[in-house]
Every structure is written in C-alpha cells, then in structure tokens.
Amino acid sequence: MTSESRRTIYPLINCADPAASMEFLEKAFGFTTHSVHKDDTGKVVHAEMVYGTGMFMFGTGKPGTSAVYVAVEDPDAHHDVARAAGAEIFRELADQDYGSRDYAARDLDGNEWYFGTYRP
C-alpha cells in the first residue's frame, strides 16, 4: 500500500485567487500541483497540491479561513454518529459528481469538518 492510498486527513485552505496562490506556493515553498479543477470561465474552483507525501486542497473562499477533510470508509455511519453526538451538519450527506459520498459539519467552536470517501 502506498502512502497516498493511506492518506486520510487533508487540510482545506481558502484563497481569494487560487491560481495566484498556486503559483506563489510553488515558487515560495516548493509545493507541486496534483490536480486543478476549473469552472466554465476558466477560474480555479478546486486544486490539490503536494509536498513529499503530504497533500492539501484549496479553492475560492474567505482568505485566512480553513477546514479539514477526512477520508472515511463509511460516511453514512460516520454522519449518523456525528448527528447523534450533536454536531451541526451544515451540508447533508450526498453523492458528489466527482465520485465521493460526503457531508460537512461544525464542531463546538464552529470549525468546519468534511467527511467522505474522496481520496485524491
């Protein structure tokens, strides 16, 4: 099993201009692009960058905010446990067009957590 297939936690970073951020992160810190997804106008809406065995994902959002994506084996069961424990579910469990089944919740401090089957 490769380190990529065992990854389970991915930081999510929000940027005002993801394309400019990608260029900066490559030049300044040595990150490399893993994948880029653009909308119909060519604007980056989601990107993934790597450094060694680490990976993070990012897109357009309020700069300086972040969240965490966690890959789980059974998002339905995970969702049910989170709801029963009182987590605020702000994006319901759903199948995504990129093949993941996931949901999003906030913890007691309002931090955003995304759980699903997506593994870049």
PDB file of N, CA and C in Angstrom:
ATOM      1  N   MET A   1       0.849  -1.170   0.000  1.00  0.00           N
ATOM      2  CA  MET A   1       0.000   0.000   0.000  1.00  0.00           C
ATOM      3  C   MET A   1       0.896   1.234   0.000  1.00  0.00           C
ATOM      4  N   THR A   2       0.628   2.186  -0.885  1.00  0.00           N
ATOM      5  CA  THR A   2       1.441   3.399  -0.963  1.00  0.00           C
ATOM      6  C   THR A   2       0.972   4.407   0.069  1.00  0.00           C
ATOM      7  N   SER A   3       1.821   5.385   0.361  1.00  0.00           N
ATOM      8  CA  SER A   3       1.443   6.413   1.327  1.00  0.00           C
ATOM      9  C   SER A   3       0.226   7.196   0.846  1.00  0.00           C
ATOM     10  N   GLU A   4       0.077   7.366  -0.475  1.00  0.00           N
ATOM     11  CA  GLU A   4      -1.067   8.093  -0.999  1.00  0.00           C
ATOM     12  C   GLU A   4      -2.375   7.382  -0.705  1.00  0.00           C
ATOM     13  N   SER A   5      -2.393   6.067  -0.769  1.00  0.00           N
ATOM     14  CA  SER A   5      -3.637   5.342  -0.538  1.00  0.00           C
ATOM     15  C   SER A   5      -3.999   5.299   0.943  1.00  0.00           C
ATOM     16  N   ARG A   6      -3.060   5.602   1.832  1.00  0.00           N
ATOM     17  CA  ARG A   6      -3.324   5.603   3.267  1.00  0.00           C
ATOM     18  C   ARG A   6      -3.655   6.985   3.808  1.00  0.00           C
ATOM     19  N   ARG A   7      -3.526   8.023   2.998  1.00  0.00           N
ATOM     20  CA  ARG A   7      -3.852   9.371   3.467  1.00  0.00           C
ATOM     21  C   ARG A   7      -5.300   9.422   3.916  1.00  0.00           C
ATOM     22  N   THR A   8      -5.551  10.090   5.014  1.00  0.00           N
ATOM     23  CA  THR A   8      -6.929  10.243   5.465  1.00  0.00           C
ATOM     24  C   THR A   8      -7.278  11.674   5.835  1.00  0.00           C
ATOM     25  N   ILE A   9      -6.302  12.538   6.104  1.00  0.00           N
ATOM     26  CA  ILE A   9      -6.592  13.895   6.536  1.00  0.00           C
ATOM     27  C   ILE A   9      -5.976  14.892   5.561  1.00  0.00           C
ATOM     28  N   TYR A  10      -6.808  15.814   5.073  1.00  0.00           N
ATOM     29  CA  TYR A  10      -6.394  16.803   4.084  1.00  0.00           C
ATOM     30  C   TYR A  10      -6.818  18.197   4.552  1.00  0.00           C
ATOM     31  N   PRO A  11      -5.881  19.084   4.863  1.00  0.00           N
ATOM     32  CA  PRO A  11      -6.263  20.463   5.179  1.00  0.00           C
ATOM     33  C   PRO A  11      -6.913  21.121   3.957  1.00  0.00           C
ATOM     34  N   LEU A  12      -7.891  21.979   4.209  1.00  0.00           N
ATOM     35  CA  LEU A  12      -8.575  22.741   3.168  1.00  0.00           C
ATOM     36  C   LEU A  12      -8.281  24.217   3.402  1.00  0.00           C
ATOM     37  N   ILE A  13      -7.692  24.873   2.408  1.00  0.00           N
ATOM     38  CA  ILE A  13      -7.295  26.265   2.523  1.00  0.00           C
ATOM     39  C   ILE A  13      -8.142  27.105   1.566  1.00  0.00           C
ATOM     40  N   ASN A  14      -8.634  28.249   2.038  1.00  0.00           N
ATOM     41  CA  ASN A  14      -9.397  29.158   1.191  1.00  0.00           C
ATOM     42  C   ASN A  14      -8.515  30.304   0.718  1.00  0.00           C
ATOM     43  N   CYS A  15      -8.648  30.665  -0.554  1.00  0.00           N
ATOM     44  CA  CYS A  15      -7.829  31.714  -1.173  1.00  0.00           C
ATOM     45  C   CYS A  15      -8.714  32.677  -1.952  1.00  0.00           C
ATOM     46  N   ALA A  16      -8.298  33.934  -2.019  1.00  0.00           N
ATOM     47  CA  ALA A  16      -9.013  34.910  -2.837  1.00  0.00           C
ATOM     48  C   ALA A  16      -8.812  34.610  -4.318  1.00  0.00           C
ATOM     49  N   ASP A  17      -7.597  34.167  -4.671  1.00  0.00           N
ATOM     50  CA  ASP A  17      -7.259  33.869  -6.060  1.00  0.00           C
ATOM     51  C   ASP A  17      -6.447  32.567  -6.080  1.00  0.00           C
ATOM     52  N   PRO A  18      -7.131  31.422  -6.184  1.00  0.00           N
ATOM     53  CA  PRO A  18      -6.421  30.143  -6.132  1.00  0.00           C
ATOM     54  C   PRO A  18      -5.300  30.000  -7.163  1.00  0.00           C
ATOM     55  N   ALA A  19      -5.484  30.510  -8.373  1.00  0.00           N
ATOM     56  CA  ALA A  19      -4.442  30.386  -9.397  1.00  0.00           C
ATOM     57  C   ALA A  19      -3.175  31.122  -8.967  1.00  0.00           C
ATOM     58  N   ALA A  20      -3.329  32.334  -8.450  1.00  0.00           N
ATOM     59  CA  ALA A  20      -2.165  33.092  -7.979  1.00  0.00           C
ATOM     60  C   ALA A  20      -1.532  32.406  -6.775  1.00  0.00           C
ATOM     61  N   SER A  21      -2.368  31.859  -5.890  1.00  0.00           N
ATOM     62  CA  SER A  21      -1.848  31.164  -4.719  1.00  0.00           C
ATOM     63  C   SER A  21      -1.033  29.939  -5.118  1.00  0.00           C
ATOM     64  N   MET A  22      -1.518  29.200  -6.110  1.00  0.00           N
ATOM     65  CA  MET A  22      -0.787  28.019  -6.576  1.00  0.00           C
ATOM     66  C   MET A  22       0.601  28.413  -7.069  1.00  0.00           C
ATOM     67  N   GLU A  23       0.666  29.457  -7.851  1.00  0.00           N
ATOM     68  CA  GLU A  23       1.952  29.923  -8.386  1.00  0.00           C
ATOM     69  C   GLU A  23       2.883  30.326  -7.245  1.00  0.00           C
ATOM     70  N   PHE A  24       2.352  31.074  -6.285  1.00  0.00           N
ATOM     71  CA  PHE A  24       3.158  31.500  -5.146  1.00  0.00           C
ATOM     72  C   PHE A  24       3.639  30.313  -4.321  1.00  0.00           C
ATOM     73  N   LEU A  25       2.733  29.391  -3.998  1.00  0.00           N
ATOM     74  CA  LEU A  25       3.088  28.238  -3.167  1.00  0.00           C
ATOM     75  C   LEU A  25       4.160  27.370  -3.824  1.00  0.00           C
ATOM     76  N   GLU A  26       4.122  27.283  -5.143  1.00  0.00           N
ATOM     77  CA  GLU A  26       5.144  26.528  -5.867  1.00  0.00           C
ATOM     78  C   GLU A  26       6.492  27.246  -5.778  1.00  0.00           C
ATOM     79  N   LYS A  27       6.497  28.532  -6.074  1.00  0.00           N
ATOM     80  CA  LYS A  27       7.749  29.290  -6.080  1.00  0.00           C
ATOM     81  C   LYS A  27       8.332  29.480  -4.685  1.00  0.00           C
ATOM     82  N   ALA A  28       7.487  29.803  -3.723  1.00  0.00           N
ATOM     83  CA  ALA A  28       7.975  30.132  -2.385  1.00  0.00           C
ATOM     84  C   ALA A  28       8.271  28.925  -1.518  1.00  0.00           C
ATOM     85  N   PHE A  29       7.446  27.884  -1.623  1.00  0.00           N
ATOM     86  CA  PHE A  29       7.550  26.776  -0.678  1.00  0.00           C
ATOM     87  C   PHE A  29       7.823  25.415  -1.299  1.00  0.00           C
ATOM     88  N   GLY A  30       7.851  25.339  -2.624  1.00  0.00           N
ATOM     89  CA  GLY A  30       8.180  24.081  -3.276  1.00  0.00           C
ATOM     90  C   GLY A  30       7.049  23.092  -3.426  1.00  0.00           C
ATOM     91  N   PHE A  31       5.795  23.523  -3.240  1.00  0.00           N
ATOM     92  CA  PHE A  31       4.662  22.626  -3.472  1.00  0.00           C
ATOM     93  C   PHE A  31       4.529  22.365  -4.965  1.00  0.00           C
ATOM     94  N   THR A  32       3.976  21.215  -5.329  1.00  0.00           N
ATOM     95  CA  THR A  32       3.706  20.922  -6.736  1.00  0.00           C
ATOM     96  C   THR A  32       2.222  20.627  -6.907  1.00  0.00           C
ATOM     97  N   THR A  33       1.719  20.938  -8.088  1.00  0.00           N
ATOM     98  CA  THR A  33       0.305  20.752  -8.378  1.00  0.00           C
ATOM     99  C   THR A  33      -0.001  19.278  -8.607  1.00  0.00           C
ATOM    100  N   HIS A  34      -1.030  18.799  -7.941  1.00  0.00           N
ATOM    101  CA  HIS A  34      -1.517  17.433  -8.140  1.00  0.00           C
ATOM    102  C   HIS A  34      -2.688  17.439  -9.108  1.00  0.00           C
ATOM    103  N   SER A  35      -3.643  18.360  -8.911  1.00  0.00           N
ATOM    104  CA  SER A  35      -4.762  18.494  -9.839  1.00  0.00           C
ATOM    105  C   SER A  35      -5.391  19.872  -9.702  1.00  0.00           C
ATOM    106  N   VAL A  36      -6.042  20.301 -10.783  1.00  0.00           N
ATOM    107  CA  VAL A  36      -6.712  21.596 -10.831  1.00  0.00           C
ATOM    108  C   VAL A  36      -8.060  21.403 -11.513  1.00  0.00           C
ATOM    109  N   HIS A  37      -9.111  21.971 -10.919  1.00  0.00           N
ATOM    110  CA  HIS A  37     -10.452  21.896 -11.492  1.00  0.00           C
ATOM    111  C   HIS A  37     -10.950  23.325 -11.683  1.00  0.00           C
ATOM    112  N   LYS A  38     -11.370  23.639 -12.911  1.00  0.00           N
ATOM    113  CA  LYS A  38     -11.811  24.992 -13.245  1.00  0.00           C
ATOM    114  C   LYS A  38     -13.279  24.991 -13.637  1.00  0.00           C
ATOM    115  N   ASP A  39     -13.904  26.159 -13.464  1.00  0.00           N
ATOM    116  CA  ASP A  39     -15.291  26.293 -13.916  1.00  0.00           C
ATOM    117  C   ASP A  39     -15.315  26.633 -15.407  1.00  0.00           C
ATOM    118  N   ASP A  40     -16.487  26.884 -15.938  1.00  0.00           N
ATOM    119  CA  ASP A  40     -16.641  27.154 -17.370  1.00  0.00           C
ATOM    120  C   ASP A  40     -15.926  28.420 -17.832  1.00  0.00           C
ATOM    121  N   THR A  41     -15.621  29.320 -16.891  1.00  0.00           N
ATOM    122  CA  THR A  41     -14.921  30.559 -17.249  1.00  0.00           C
ATOM    123  C   THR A  41     -13.402  30.422 -17.131  1.00  0.00           C
ATOM    124  N   GLY A  42     -12.939  29.270 -16.673  1.00  0.00           N
ATOM    125  CA  GLY A  42     -11.507  29.054 -16.508  1.00  0.00           C
ATOM    126  C   GLY A  42     -10.982  29.386 -15.122  1.00  0.00           C
ATOM    127  N   LYS A  43     -11.869  29.774 -14.218  1.00  0.00           N
ATOM    128  CA  LYS A  43     -11.467  30.110 -12.850  1.00  0.00           C
ATOM    129  C   LYS A  43     -11.258  28.829 -12.039  1.00  0.00           C
ATOM    130  N   VAL A  44     -10.167  28.767 -11.285  1.00  0.00           N
ATOM    131  CA  VAL A  44      -9.878  27.610 -10.438  1.00  0.00           C
ATOM    132  C   VAL A  44     -10.902  27.571  -9.301  1.00  0.00           C
ATOM    133  N   VAL A  45     -11.618  26.452  -9.186  1.00  0.00           N
ATOM    134  CA  VAL A  45     -12.588  26.289  -8.104  1.00  0.00           C
ATOM    135  C   VAL A  45     -12.128  25.263  -7.078  1.00  0.00           C
ATOM    136  N   HIS A  46     -11.206  24.402  -7.471  1.00  0.00           N
ATOM    137  CA  HIS A  46     -10.645  23.401  -6.557  1.00  0.00           C
ATOM    138  C   HIS A  46      -9.279  23.007  -7.090  1.00  0.00           C
ATOM    139  N   ALA A  47      -8.321  22.873  -6.174  1.00  0.00           N
ATOM    140  CA  ALA A  47      -6.987  22.434  -6.562  1.00  0.00           C
ATOM    141  C   ALA A  47      -6.400  21.602  -5.441  1.00  0.00           C
ATOM    142  N   GLU A  48      -5.434  20.794  -5.805  1.00  0.00           N
ATOM    143  CA  GLU A  48      -4.729  19.959  -4.835  1.00  0.00           C
ATOM    144  C   GLU A  48      -3.242  20.113  -5.095  1.00  0.00           C
ATOM    145  N   MET A  49      -2.477  20.338  -4.017  1.00  0.00           N
ATOM    146  CA  MET A  49      -1.031  20.467  -4.136  1.00  0.00           C
ATOM    147  C   MET A  49      -0.376  19.514  -3.149  1.00  0.00           C
ATOM    148  N   VAL A  50       0.834  19.084  -3.497  1.00  0.00           N
ATOM    149  CA  VAL A  50       1.551  18.119  -2.669  1.00  0.00           C
ATOM    150  C   VAL A  50       2.948  18.626  -2.336  1.00  0.00           C
ATOM    151  N   TYR A  51       3.460  18.068  -1.251  1.00  0.00           N
ATOM    152  CA  TYR A  51       4.842  18.266  -0.845  1.00  0.00           C
ATOM    153  C   TYR A  51       5.237  16.969  -0.153  1.00  0.00           C
ATOM    154  N   GLY A  52       6.166  16.241  -0.741  1.00  0.00           N
ATOM    155  CA  GLY A  52       6.500  14.926  -0.199  1.00  0.00           C
ATOM    156  C   GLY A  52       5.273  14.038  -0.231  1.00  0.00           C
ATOM    157  N   THR A  53       4.925  13.458   0.915  1.00  0.00           N
ATOM    158  CA  THR A  53       3.736  12.600   0.980  1.00  0.00           C
ATOM    159  C   THR A  53       2.508  13.350   1.463  1.00  0.00           C
ATOM    160  N   GLY A  54       2.649  14.648   1.760  1.00  0.00           N
ATOM    161  CA  GLY A  54       1.520  15.444   2.236  1.00  0.00           C
ATOM    162  C   GLY A  54       0.745  16.076   1.100  1.00  0.00           C
ATOM    163  N   MET A  55      -0.510  16.329   1.339  1.00  0.00           N
ATOM    164  CA  MET A  55      -1.370  16.966   0.344  1.00  0.00           C
ATOM    165  C   MET A  55      -2.349  17.888   1.054  1.00  0.00           C
ATOM    166  N   PHE A  56      -2.676  19.009   0.397  1.00  0.00           N
ATOM    167  CA  PHE A  56      -3.761  19.848   0.867  1.00  0.00           C
ATOM    168  C   PHE A  56      -4.619  20.229  -0.327  1.00  0.00           C
ATOM    169  N   MET A  57      -5.846  20.639  -0.036  1.00  0.00           N
ATOM    170  CA  MET A  57      -6.788  21.033  -1.070  1.00  0.00           C
ATOM    171  C   MET A  57      -7.197  22.473  -0.801  1.00  0.00           C
ATOM    172  N   PHE A  58      -7.529  23.205  -1.863  1.00  0.00           N
ATOM    173  CA  PHE A  58      -7.991  24.564  -1.661  1.00  0.00           C
ATOM    174  C   PHE A  58      -8.836  25.044  -2.817  1.00  0.00           C
ATOM    175  N   GLY A  59      -9.488  26.177  -2.559  1.00  0.00           N
ATOM    176  CA  GLY A  59     -10.333  26.787  -3.562  1.00  0.00           C
ATOM    177  C   GLY A  59     -10.658  28.207  -3.171  1.00  0.00           C
ATOM    178  N   THR A  60     -11.640  28.789  -3.841  1.00  0.00           N
ATOM    179  CA  THR A  60     -12.021  30.163  -3.578  1.00  0.00           C
ATOM    180  C   THR A  60     -12.850  30.226  -2.304  1.00  0.00           C
ATOM    181  N   GLY A  61     -12.486  31.130  -1.439  1.00  0.00           N
ATOM    182  CA  GLY A  61     -13.209  31.314  -0.187  1.00  0.00           C
ATOM    183  C   GLY A  61     -12.624  32.474   0.565  1.00  0.00           C
ATOM    184  N   LYS A  62     -13.121  32.719   1.755  1.00  0.00           N
ATOM    185  CA  LYS A  62     -12.622  33.821   2.577  1.00  0.00           C
ATOM    186  C   LYS A  62     -11.173  33.533   2.962  1.00  0.00           C
ATOM    187  N   PRO A  63     -10.232  34.356   2.487  1.00  0.00           N
ATOM    188  CA  PRO A  63      -8.819  34.128   2.807  1.00  0.00           C
ATOM    189  C   PRO A  63      -8.593  34.079   4.316  1.00  0.00           C
ATOM    190  N   GLY A  64      -7.689  33.209   4.711  1.00  0.00           N
ATOM    191  CA  GLY A  64      -7.363  33.084   6.120  1.00  0.00           C
ATOM    192  C   GLY A  64      -8.237  32.105   6.872  1.00  0.00           C
ATOM    193  N   THR A  65      -9.225  31.524   6.188  1.00  0.00           N
ATOM    194  CA  THR A  65     -10.052  30.506   6.834  1.00  0.00           C
ATOM    195  C   THR A  65      -9.646  29.147   6.284  1.00  0.00           C
ATOM    196  N   SER A  66      -9.873  28.143   7.079  1.00  0.00           N
ATOM    197  CA  SER A  66      -9.513  26.804   6.632  1.00  0.00           C
ATOM    198  C   SER A  66     -10.446  25.792   7.276  1.00  0.00           C
ATOM    199  N   ALA A  67     -10.330  24.562   6.834  1.00  0.00           N
ATOM    200  CA  ALA A  67     -11.130  23.464   7.353  1.00  0.00           C
ATOM    201  C   ALA A  67     -10.306  22.192   7.178  1.00  0.00           C
ATOM    202  N   VAL A  68     -10.894  21.059   7.496  1.00  0.00           N
ATOM    203  CA  VAL A  68     -10.200  19.782   7.355  1.00  0.00           C
ATOM    204  C   VAL A  68     -11.129  18.802   6.660  1.00  0.00           C
ATOM    205  N   TYR A  69     -10.582  18.068   5.680  1.00  0.00           N
ATOM    206  CA  TYR A  69     -11.310  16.977   5.032  1.00  0.00           C
ATOM    207  C   TYR A  69     -10.718  15.669   5.553  1.00  0.00           C
ATOM    208  N   VAL A  70     -11.591  14.753   5.956  1.00  0.00           N
ATOM    209  CA  VAL A  70     -11.148  13.459   6.469  1.00  0.00           C
ATOM    210  C   VAL A  70     -11.800  12.360   5.634  1.00  0.00           C
ATOM    211  N   ALA A  71     -10.972  11.507   5.045  1.00  0.00           N
ATOM    212  CA  ALA A  71     -11.483  10.370   4.276  1.00  0.00           C
ATOM    213  C   ALA A  71     -11.904   9.274   5.244  1.00  0.00           C
ATOM    214  N   VAL A  72     -13.144   8.807   5.092  1.00  0.00           N
ATOM    215  CA  VAL A  72     -13.682   7.754   5.953  1.00  0.00           C
ATOM    216  C   VAL A  72     -14.220   6.619   5.084  1.00  0.00           C
ATOM    217  N   GLU A  73     -14.252   5.440   5.639  1.00  0.00           N
ATOM    218  CA  GLU A  73     -14.716   4.269   4.902  1.00  0.00           C
ATOM    219  C   GLU A  73     -16.233   4.248   4.731  1.00  0.00           C
ATOM    220  N   ASP A  74     -16.981   4.652   5.768  1.00  0.00           N
ATOM    221  CA  ASP A  74     -18.447   4.576   5.738  1.00  0.00           C
ATOM    222  C   ASP A  74     -19.037   5.924   6.149  1.00  0.00           C
ATOM    223  N   PRO A  75     -19.191   6.839   5.193  1.00  0.00           N
ATOM    224  CA  PRO A  75     -19.680   8.172   5.558  1.00  0.00           C
ATOM    225  C   PRO A  75     -21.101   8.177   6.121  1.00  0.00           C
ATOM    226  N   ASP A  76     -21.928   7.223   5.738  1.00  0.00           N
ATOM    227  CA  ASP A  76     -23.296   7.176   6.262  1.00  0.00           C
ATOM    228  C   ASP A  76     -23.285   6.919   7.770  1.00  0.00           C
ATOM    229  N   ALA A  77     -22.529   5.918   8.186  1.00  0.00           N
ATOM    230  CA  ALA A  77     -22.435   5.604   9.614  1.00  0.00           C
ATOM    231  C   ALA A  77     -21.753   6.747  10.363  1.00  0.00           C
ATOM    232  N   HIS A  78     -20.716   7.305   9.772  1.00  0.00           N
ATOM    233  CA  HIS A  78     -19.990   8.409  10.399  1.00  0.00           C
ATOM    234  C   HIS A  78     -20.928   9.595  10.612  1.00  0.00           C
ATOM    235  N   HIS A  79     -21.718   9.924   9.600  1.00  0.00           N
ATOM    236  CA  HIS A  79     -22.700  11.006   9.657  1.00  0.00           C
ATOM    237  C   HIS A  79     -23.694  10.780  10.787  1.00  0.00           C
ATOM    238  N   ASP A  80     -24.200   9.557  10.892  1.00  0.00           N
ATOM    239  CA  ASP A  80     -25.202   9.246  11.911  1.00  0.00           C
ATOM    240  C   ASP A  80     -24.641   9.419  13.318  1.00  0.00           C
ATOM    241  N   VAL A  81     -23.403   8.994  13.531  1.00  0.00           N
ATOM    242  CA  VAL A  81     -22.757   9.152  14.840  1.00  0.00           C
ATOM    243  C   VAL A  81     -22.559  10.634  15.150  1.00  0.00           C
ATOM    244  N   ALA A  82     -22.087  11.393  14.159  1.00  0.00           N
ATOM    245  CA  ALA A  82     -21.859  12.831  14.355  1.00  0.00           C
ATOM    246  C   ALA A  82     -23.164  13.550  14.712  1.00  0.00           C
ATOM    247  N   ARG A  83     -24.223  13.254  13.980  1.00  0.00           N
ATOM    248  CA  ARG A  83     -25.522  13.883  14.256  1.00  0.00           C
ATOM    249  C   ARG A  83     -26.005  13.514  15.658  1.00  0.00           C
ATOM    250  N   ALA A  84     -25.893  12.244  16.020  1.00  0.00           N
ATOM    251  CA  ALA A  84     -26.339  11.799  17.340  1.00  0.00           C
ATOM    252  C   ALA A  84     -25.545  12.470  18.460  1.00  0.00           C
ATOM    253  N   ALA A  85     -24.294  12.808  18.188  1.00  0.00           N
ATOM    254  CA  ALA A  85     -23.450  13.463  19.190  1.00  0.00           C
ATOM    255  C   ALA A  85     -23.695  14.971  19.249  1.00  0.00           C
ATOM    256  N   GLY A  86     -24.550  15.483  18.378  1.00  0.00           N
ATOM    257  CA  GLY A  86     -24.894  16.892  18.404  1.00  0.00           C
ATOM    258  C   GLY A  86     -24.120  17.780  17.458  1.00  0.00           C
ATOM    259  N   ALA A  87     -23.366  17.192  16.526  1.00  0.00           N
ATOM    260  CA  ALA A  87     -22.636  18.009  15.557  1.00  0.00           C
ATOM    261  C   ALA A  87     -23.626  18.770  14.686  1.00  0.00           C
ATOM    262  N   GLU A  88     -23.274  20.007  14.353  1.00  0.00           N
ATOM    263  CA  GLU A  88     -24.097  20.808  13.447  1.00  0.00           C
ATOM    264  C   GLU A  88     -23.772  20.402  12.015  1.00  0.00           C
ATOM    265  N   ILE A  89     -24.682  19.693  11.376  1.00  0.00           N
ATOM    266  CA  ILE A  89     -24.494  19.270   9.985  1.00  0.00           C
ATOM    267  C   ILE A  89     -24.937  20.429   9.101  1.00  0.00           C
ATOM    268  N   PHE A  90     -23.997  21.037   8.356  1.00  0.00           N
ATOM    269  CA  PHE A  90     -24.381  22.165   7.509  1.00  0.00           C
ATOM    270  C   PHE A  90     -24.396  21.820   6.031  1.00  0.00           C
ATOM    271  N   ARG A  91     -23.905  20.654   5.670  1.00  0.00           N
ATOM    272  CA  ARG A  91     -24.081  20.132   4.311  1.00  0.00           C
ATOM    273  C   ARG A  91     -24.407  18.653   4.459  1.00  0.00           C
ATOM    274  N   GLU A  92     -25.620  18.320   4.091  1.00  0.00           N
ATOM    275  CA  GLU A  92     -26.106  16.959   4.298  1.00  0.00           C
ATOM    276  C   GLU A  92     -25.339  15.933   3.465  1.00  0.00           C
ATOM    277  N   LEU A  93     -25.382  14.721   3.917  1.00  0.00           N
ATOM    278  CA  LEU A  93     -24.765  13.584   3.249  1.00  0.00           C
ATOM    279  C   LEU A  93     -25.300  13.477   1.830  1.00  0.00           C
ATOM    280  N   ALA A  94     -24.382  13.399   0.849  1.00  0.00           N
ATOM    281  CA  ALA A  94     -24.806  13.337  -0.553  1.00  0.00           C
ATOM    282  C   ALA A  94     -23.704  12.745  -1.423  1.00  0.00           C
ATOM    283  N   ASP A  95     -24.115  12.157  -2.534  1.00  0.00           N
ATOM    284  CA  ASP A  95     -23.169  11.681  -3.543  1.00  0.00           C
ATOM    285  C   ASP A  95     -22.744  12.878  -4.381  1.00  0.00           C
ATOM    286  N   GLN A  96     -21.436  13.035  -4.590  1.00  0.00           N
ATOM    287  CA  GLN A  96     -20.896  14.157  -5.338  1.00  0.00           C
ATOM    288  C   GLN A  96     -20.582  13.733  -6.769  1.00  0.00           C
ATOM    289  N   ASP A  97     -20.542  14.703  -7.691  1.00  0.00           N
ATOM    290  CA  ASP A  97     -20.279  14.378  -9.097  1.00  0.00           C
ATOM    291  C   ASP A  97     -18.853  13.900  -9.336  1.00  0.00           C
ATOM    292  N   TYR A  98     -17.947  14.100  -8.375  1.00  0.00           N
ATOM    293  CA  TYR A  98     -16.566  13.630  -8.509  1.00  0.00           C
ATOM    294  C   TYR A  98     -16.355  12.262  -7.857  1.00  0.00           C
ATOM    295  N   GLY A  99     -17.459  11.611  -7.466  1.00  0.00           N
ATOM    296  CA  GLY A  99     -17.388  10.238  -7.003  1.00  0.00           C
ATOM    297  C   GLY A  99     -17.387  10.039  -5.502  1.00  0.00           C
ATOM    298  N   SER A 100     -17.327  11.086  -4.741  1.00  0.00           N
ATOM    299  CA  SER A 100     -17.315  10.953  -3.287  1.00  0.00           C
ATOM    300  C   SER A 100     -18.734  10.942  -2.733  1.00  0.00           C
ATOM    301  N   ARG A 101     -18.884  10.347  -1.590  1.00  0.00           N
ATOM    302  CA  ARG A 101     -20.105  10.486  -0.795  1.00  0.00           C
ATOM    303  C   ARG A 101     -19.653  11.172   0.476  1.00  0.00           C
ATOM    304  N   ASP A 102     -20.181  12.361   0.760  1.00  0.00           N
ATOM    305  CA  ASP A 102     -19.672  13.091   1.909  1.00  0.00           C
ATOM    306  C   ASP A 102     -20.698  14.031   2.525  1.00  0.00           C
ATOM    307  N   TYR A 103     -20.307  14.595   3.660  1.00  0.00           N
ATOM    308  CA  TYR A 103     -21.115  15.580   4.371  1.00  0.00           C
ATOM    309  C   TYR A 103     -20.168  16.532   5.089  1.00  0.00           C
ATOM    310  N   ALA A 104     -20.715  17.623   5.621  1.00  0.00           N
ATOM    311  CA  ALA A 104     -19.896  18.594   6.340  1.00  0.00           C
ATOM    312  C   ALA A 104     -20.588  18.994   7.639  1.00  0.00           C
ATOM    313  N   ALA A 105     -19.773  19.209   8.666  1.00  0.00           N
ATOM    314  CA  ALA A 105     -20.290  19.553   9.986  1.00  0.00           C
ATOM    315  C   ALA A 105     -19.377  20.566  10.662  1.00  0.00           C
ATOM    316  N   ARG A 106     -19.912  21.216  11.679  1.00  0.00           N
ATOM    317  CA  ARG A 106     -19.108  22.119  12.502  1.00  0.00           C
ATOM    318  C   ARG A 106     -18.946  21.509  13.892  1.00  0.00           C
ATOM    319  N   ASP A 107     -17.771  21.745  14.469  1.00  0.00           N
ATOM    320  CA  ASP A 107     -17.545  21.297  15.836  1.00  0.00           C
ATOM    321  C   ASP A 107     -18.058  22.358  16.808  1.00  0.00           C
ATOM    322  N   LEU A 108     -17.805  22.196  18.093  1.00  0.00           N
ATOM    323  CA  LEU A 108     -18.325  23.112  19.104  1.00  0.00           C
ATOM    324  C   LEU A 108     -17.824  24.540  18.945  1.00  0.00           C
ATOM    325  N   ASP A 109     -16.661  24.722  18.316  1.00  0.00           N
ATOM    326  CA  ASP A 109     -16.087  26.049  18.123  1.00  0.00           C
ATOM    327  C   ASP A 109     -16.385  26.629  16.748  1.00  0.00           C
ATOM    328  N   GLY A 110     -17.183  25.927  15.945  1.00  0.00           N
ATOM    329  CA  GLY A 110     -17.539  26.416  14.616  1.00  0.00           C
ATOM    330  C   GLY A 110     -16.565  26.031  13.522  1.00  0.00           C
ATOM    331  N   ASN A 111     -15.524  25.238  13.841  1.00  0.00           N
ATOM    332  CA  ASN A 111     -14.595  24.773  12.818  1.00  0.00           C
ATOM    333  C   ASN A 111     -15.314  23.819  11.872  1.00  0.00           C
ATOM    334  N   GLU A 112     -14.980  23.918  10.581  1.00  0.00           N
ATOM    335  CA  GLU A 112     -15.635  23.073   9.582  1.00  0.00           C
ATOM    336  C   GLU A 112     -14.848  21.794   9.356  1.00  0.00           C
ATOM    337  N   TRP A 113     -15.579  20.685   9.327  1.00  0.00           N
ATOM    338  CA  TRP A 113     -15.025  19.352   9.090  1.00  0.00           C
ATOM    339  C   TRP A 113     -15.820  18.705   7.971  1.00  0.00           C
ATOM    340  N   TYR A 114     -15.117  18.180   6.986  1.00  0.00           N
ATOM    341  CA  TYR A 114     -15.732  17.482   5.856  1.00  0.00           C
ATOM    342  C   TYR A 114     -15.323  16.026   5.940  1.00  0.00           C
ATOM    343  N   PHE A 115     -16.282  15.119   5.801  1.00  0.00           N
ATOM    344  CA  PHE A 115     -16.026  13.682   5.881  1.00  0.00           C
ATOM    345  C   PHE A 115     -16.601  13.008   4.652  1.00  0.00           C
ATOM    346  N   GLY A 116     -15.806  12.142   4.010  1.00  0.00           N
ATOM    347  CA  GLY A 116     -16.298  11.448   2.836  1.00  0.00           C
ATOM    348  C   GLY A 116     -15.324  10.429   2.309  1.00  0.00           C
ATOM    349  N   THR A 117     -15.659   9.898   1.171  1.00  0.00           N
ATOM    350  CA  THR A 117     -14.868   8.803   0.582  1.00  0.00           C
ATOM    351  C   THR A 117     -13.806   9.275  -0.403  1.00  0.00           C
ATOM    352  N   TYR A 118     -13.769  10.576  -0.710  1.00  0.00           N
ATOM    353  CA  TYR A 118     -12.809  11.092  -1.685  1.00  0.00           C
ATOM    354  C   TYR A 118     -11.374  10.945  -1.175  1.00  0.00           C
ATOM    355  N   ARG A 119     -10.533  10.368  -2.001  1.00  0.00           N
ATOM    356  CA  ARG A 119      -9.102  10.245  -1.715  1.00  0.00           C
ATOM    357  C   ARG A 119      -8.342  10.619  -2.994  1.00  0.00           C
ATOM    358  N   PRO A 120      -7.848  11.871  -3.050  1.00  0.00           N
ATOM    359  CA  PRO A 120      -7.141  12.315  -4.260  1.00  0.00           C
ATOM    360  C   PRO A 120      -5.958  11.424  -4.600  1.00  0.00           C
TER     361      PRO A 120
END
